[in-house]
């Protein structure tokens, strides 16, 4: 479960995104309203969206993450920079120098980096520390 959305209109908007996303992208988990009262939505993970999927291009402002893969550096940069809002992006890598170099080409507001390549929601502070380290290293280059 996650914390509630702030208003019924926000929940309706998030649910519209989720319903459309289910038609365009594989749902790993979630994607539904949660509970019989309040503004709760299940945390949702989408995987490998089709090119141009709205759930990737627009900002949902709900408990939703879209996970995608890539084969080349050019492909990942094209995908990362093709969103309308570009509020945030994350990268999982074992090569910090490569990640810092890529950061200069990403047009995102917030950039998250993890070196362990697995996600544990309760350990978000470790990710933020890695981000700060990457930013400092990028400034030294």
C-alpha atoms as a PDB file:
ATOM      1  CA  UNK A   1       0.000   0.000   0.000  1.00  0.00           C
ATOM      2  CA  UNK A   2       1.073   3.601  -0.412  1.00  0.00           C
ATOM      3  CA  UNK A   3      -0.036   6.873   1.111  1.00  0.00           C
ATOM      4  CA  UNK A   4      -3.231   8.387  -0.323  1.00  0.00           C
ATOM      5  CA  UNK A   5      -3.385  10.786  -3.225  1.00  0.00           C
ATOM      6  CA  UNK A   6      -4.436  14.272  -2.161  1.00  0.00           C
ATOM      7  CA  UNK A   7      -7.778  14.624  -3.960  1.00  0.00           C
ATOM      8  CA  UNK A   8     -10.412  12.592  -5.776  1.00  0.00           C
ATOM      9  CA  UNK A   9      -9.601  14.374  -9.066  1.00  0.00           C
ATOM     10  CA  UNK A  10      -5.955  13.352  -8.757  1.00  0.00           C
ATOM     11  CA  UNK A  11      -6.980   9.754  -8.136  1.00  0.00           C
ATOM     12  CA  UNK A  12      -9.256   9.843 -11.201  1.00  0.00           C
ATOM     13  CA  UNK A  13      -6.397  11.247 -13.313  1.00  0.00           C
ATOM     14  CA  UNK A  14      -3.946   8.605 -12.071  1.00  0.00           C
ATOM     15  CA  UNK A  15      -6.472   5.832 -12.718  1.00  0.00           C
ATOM     16  CA  UNK A  16      -6.968   7.090 -16.320  1.00  0.00           C
ATOM     17  CA  UNK A  17      -3.195   6.932 -16.848  1.00  0.00           C
ATOM     18  CA  UNK A  18      -3.086   3.417 -15.392  1.00  0.00           C
ATOM     19  CA  UNK A  19      -5.949   2.143 -17.557  1.00  0.00           C
ATOM     20  CA  UNK A  20      -4.341   3.529 -20.709  1.00  0.00           C
ATOM     21  CA  UNK A  21      -0.923   2.268 -19.577  1.00  0.00           C
ATOM     22  CA  UNK A  22      -2.284  -1.268 -19.174  1.00  0.00           C
ATOM     23  CA  UNK A  23      -3.116  -1.239 -22.903  1.00  0.00           C
ATOM     24  CA  UNK A  24       0.363  -0.044 -23.926  1.00  0.00           C
ATOM     25  CA  UNK A  25       2.747  -1.554 -21.382  1.00  0.00           C
ATOM     26  CA  UNK A  26       3.244  -4.778 -19.421  1.00  0.00           C
ATOM     27  CA  UNK A  27       2.111  -4.381 -15.793  1.00  0.00           C
ATOM     28  CA  UNK A  28       4.470  -6.067 -13.344  1.00  0.00           C
ATOM     29  CA  UNK A  29       2.435  -5.231 -10.253  1.00  0.00           C
ATOM     30  CA  UNK A  30      -0.331  -2.890  -9.119  1.00  0.00           C
ATOM     31  CA  UNK A  31      -2.382  -0.736 -11.425  1.00  0.00           C
ATOM     32  CA  UNK A  32      -5.605  -0.695  -9.436  1.00  0.00           C
ATOM     33  CA  UNK A  33      -7.469   1.382  -6.913  1.00  0.00           C
ATOM     34  CA  UNK A  34      -6.870   0.183  -3.369  1.00  0.00           C
ATOM     35  CA  UNK A  35      -9.508  -0.076  -0.653  1.00  0.00           C
ATOM     36  CA  UNK A  36     -13.149   0.917  -0.608  1.00  0.00           C
ATOM     37  CA  UNK A  37     -12.675   4.461   0.663  1.00  0.00           C
ATOM     38  CA  UNK A  38     -10.135   7.226   0.356  1.00  0.00           C
ATOM     39  CA  UNK A  39      -7.807   8.073  -2.511  1.00  0.00           C
ATOM     40  CA  UNK A  40      -5.488   5.068  -2.501  1.00  0.00           C
ATOM     41  CA  UNK A  41      -3.879   3.569  -5.612  1.00  0.00           C
ATOM     42  CA  UNK A  42      -1.668   0.494  -5.617  1.00  0.00           C
ATOM     43  CA  UNK A  43       2.002   1.198  -6.282  1.00  0.00           C
ATOM     44  CA  UNK A  44       2.420   0.241  -9.938  1.00  0.00           C
ATOM     45  CA  UNK A  45       5.370  -0.938 -12.000  1.00  0.00           C
ATOM     46  CA  UNK A  46       5.177  -0.967 -15.799  1.00  0.00           C
ATOM     47  CA  UNK A  47       7.868  -2.744 -17.839  1.00  0.00           C
ATOM     48  CA  UNK A  48       9.190  -2.222 -21.397  1.00  0.00           C
ATOM     49  CA  UNK A  49       6.767   0.357 -22.788  1.00  0.00           C
ATOM     50  CA  UNK A  50       6.034   0.641 -26.496  1.00  0.00           C
ATOM     51  CA  UNK A  51       7.601   3.637 -28.191  1.00  0.00           C
ATOM     52  CA  UNK A  52       5.523   6.749 -27.597  1.00  0.00           C
ATOM     53  CA  UNK A  53       3.506   5.293 -24.695  1.00  0.00           C
ATOM     54  CA  UNK A  54       1.701   8.079 -22.858  1.00  0.00           C
ATOM     55  CA  UNK A  55       2.611   6.614 -19.454  1.00  0.00           C
ATOM     56  CA  UNK A  56       6.244   7.445 -20.343  1.00  0.00           C
ATOM     57  CA  UNK A  57       5.719  10.799 -22.060  1.00  0.00           C
ATOM     58  CA  UNK A  58       3.472  12.375 -19.411  1.00  0.00           C
ATOM     59  CA  UNK A  59       3.971  12.819 -15.675  1.00  0.00           C
ATOM     60  CA  UNK A  60       1.507  10.689 -13.704  1.00  0.00           C
ATOM     61  CA  UNK A  61       2.009  12.250 -10.226  1.00  0.00           C
ATOM     62  CA  UNK A  62       1.063   8.984  -8.563  1.00  0.00           C
ATOM     63  CA  UNK A  63       2.740   5.809  -7.261  1.00  0.00           C
ATOM     64  CA  UNK A  64       3.881   4.683 -10.714  1.00  0.00           C
ATOM     65  CA  UNK A  65       7.263   3.761 -12.179  1.00  0.00           C
ATOM     66  CA  UNK A  66       8.051   2.695 -15.727  1.00  0.00           C
ATOM     67  CA  UNK A  67      11.092   0.458 -16.229  1.00  0.00           C
ATOM     68  CA  UNK A  68      12.626   0.281 -19.673  1.00  0.00           C
ATOM     69  CA  UNK A  69      15.680  -1.354 -21.234  1.00  0.00           C
ATOM     70  CA  UNK A  70      18.104  -0.267 -23.925  1.00  0.00           C
ATOM     71  CA  UNK A  71      20.925  -1.674 -26.029  1.00  0.00           C
ATOM     72  CA  UNK A  72      22.963   1.426 -26.901  1.00  0.00           C
ATOM     73  CA  UNK A  73      23.903   4.665 -25.197  1.00  0.00           C
ATOM     74  CA  UNK A  74      22.234   6.627 -27.997  1.00  0.00           C
ATOM     75  CA  UNK A  75      18.986   4.697 -27.468  1.00  0.00           C
ATOM     76  CA  UNK A  76      18.866   5.399 -23.739  1.00  0.00           C
ATOM     77  CA  UNK A  77      19.572   9.106 -24.245  1.00  0.00           C
ATOM     78  CA  UNK A  78      16.843   9.347 -26.895  1.00  0.00           C
ATOM     79  CA  UNK A  79      14.356   7.661 -24.566  1.00  0.00           C
ATOM     80  CA  UNK A  80      15.365   9.694 -21.528  1.00  0.00           C
ATOM     81  CA  UNK A  81      15.204  13.026 -23.348  1.00  0.00           C
ATOM     82  CA  UNK A  82      11.926  12.421 -25.216  1.00  0.00           C
ATOM     83  CA  UNK A  83       9.578  13.041 -22.291  1.00  0.00           C
ATOM     84  CA  UNK A  84       7.559  16.238 -22.116  1.00  0.00           C
ATOM     85  CA  UNK A  85       8.364  17.049 -18.497  1.00  0.00           C
ATOM     86  CA  UNK A  86      11.720  15.451 -17.713  1.00  0.00           C
ATOM     87  CA  UNK A  87      11.266  15.791 -13.963  1.00  0.00           C
ATOM     88  CA  UNK A  88      13.476  12.849 -13.100  1.00  0.00           C
ATOM     89  CA  UNK A  89      15.413   9.891 -14.373  1.00  0.00           C
ATOM     90  CA  UNK A  90      17.476   7.139 -12.829  1.00  0.00           C
ATOM     91  CA  UNK A  91      20.283   4.874 -13.930  1.00  0.00           C
ATOM     92  CA  UNK A  92      21.552   1.606 -12.535  1.00  0.00           C
ATOM     93  CA  UNK A  93      25.143   0.823 -13.427  1.00  0.00           C
ATOM     94  CA  UNK A  94      28.365  -0.616 -12.095  1.00  0.00           C
ATOM     95  CA  UNK A  95      30.432   2.019 -13.917  1.00  0.00           C
ATOM     96  CA  UNK A  96      30.264   5.346 -12.055  1.00  0.00           C
ATOM     97  CA  UNK A  97      32.493   7.156 -14.569  1.00  0.00           C
ATOM     98  CA  UNK A  98      30.191   6.141 -17.430  1.00  0.00           C
ATOM     99  CA  UNK A  99      27.125   7.282 -15.481  1.00  0.00           C
ATOM    100  CA  UNK A 100      28.679  10.670 -14.718  1.00  0.00           C
ATOM    101  CA  UNK A 101      29.587  11.102 -18.400  1.00  0.00           C
ATOM    102  CA  UNK A 102      26.027  10.222 -19.467  1.00  0.00           C
ATOM    103  CA  UNK A 103      24.599  12.687 -16.961  1.00  0.00           C
ATOM    104  CA  UNK A 104      25.864  15.583 -19.071  1.00  0.00           C
ATOM    105  CA  UNK A 105      23.623  14.468 -21.961  1.00  0.00           C
ATOM    106  CA  UNK A 106      20.458  13.842 -19.933  1.00  0.00           C
ATOM    107  CA  UNK A 107      17.929  16.653 -19.821  1.00  0.00           C
ATOM    108  CA  UNK A 108      16.212  15.702 -16.568  1.00  0.00           C
ATOM    109  CA  UNK A 109      15.552  17.725 -13.434  1.00  0.00           C
ATOM    110  CA  UNK A 110      16.486  15.014 -10.927  1.00  0.00           C
ATOM    111  CA  UNK A 111      18.961  12.285 -11.680  1.00  0.00           C
ATOM    112  CA  UNK A 112      19.162   9.194  -9.474  1.00  0.00           C
ATOM    113  CA  UNK A 113      22.066   6.767  -9.544  1.00  0.00           C
ATOM    114  CA  UNK A 114      22.397   3.400  -7.892  1.00  0.00           C
ATOM    115  CA  UNK A 115      25.468   1.225  -8.085  1.00  0.00           C
ATOM    116  CA  UNK A 116      23.864  -1.960  -6.706  1.00  0.00           C
ATOM    117  CA  UNK A 117      21.365  -2.521  -9.516  1.00  0.00           C
ATOM    118  CA  UNK A 118      18.499  -3.593  -7.333  1.00  0.00           C
ATOM    119  CA  UNK A 119      15.734  -1.511  -5.813  1.00  0.00           C
ATOM    120  CA  UNK A 120      14.727  -1.674  -2.192  1.00  0.00           C
ATOM    121  CA  UNK A 121      12.127   1.055  -1.462  1.00  0.00           C
ATOM    122  CA  UNK A 122      13.058   1.322   2.215  1.00  0.00           C
ATOM    123  CA  UNK A 123      16.674   2.124   1.264  1.00  0.00           C
ATOM    124  CA  UNK A 124      16.020   5.313  -0.701  1.00  0.00           C
ATOM    125  CA  UNK A 125      18.471   7.353   1.379  1.00  0.00           C
ATOM    126  CA  UNK A 126      21.367   5.281   0.065  1.00  0.00           C
ATOM    127  CA  UNK A 127      20.336   6.155  -3.467  1.00  0.00           C
ATOM    128  CA  UNK A 128      20.209   9.836  -2.603  1.00  0.00           C
ATOM    129  CA  UNK A 129      23.704   9.650  -1.160  1.00  0.00           C
ATOM    130  CA  UNK A 130      24.913   8.075  -4.403  1.00  0.00           C
ATOM    131  CA  UNK A 131      23.264  10.912  -6.326  1.00  0.00           C
ATOM    132  CA  UNK A 132      25.055  13.501  -4.272  1.00  0.00           C
ATOM    133  CA  UNK A 133      28.362  11.683  -4.814  1.00  0.00           C
ATOM    134  CA  UNK A 134      27.753  11.550  -8.571  1.00  0.00           C
ATOM    135  CA  UNK A 135      26.928  15.263  -8.699  1.00  0.00           C
ATOM    136  CA  UNK A 136      30.078  16.151  -6.801  1.00  0.00           C
ATOM    137  CA  UNK A 137      32.175  13.961  -9.073  1.00  0.00           C
ATOM    138  CA  UNK A 138      30.537  15.479 -12.161  1.00  0.00           C
ATOM    139  CA  UNK A 139      31.423  18.966 -10.925  1.00  0.00           C
ATOM    140  CA  UNK A 140      35.065  17.909 -10.545  1.00  0.00           C
ATOM    141  CA  UNK A 141      35.311  16.722 -14.167  1.00  0.00           C
END
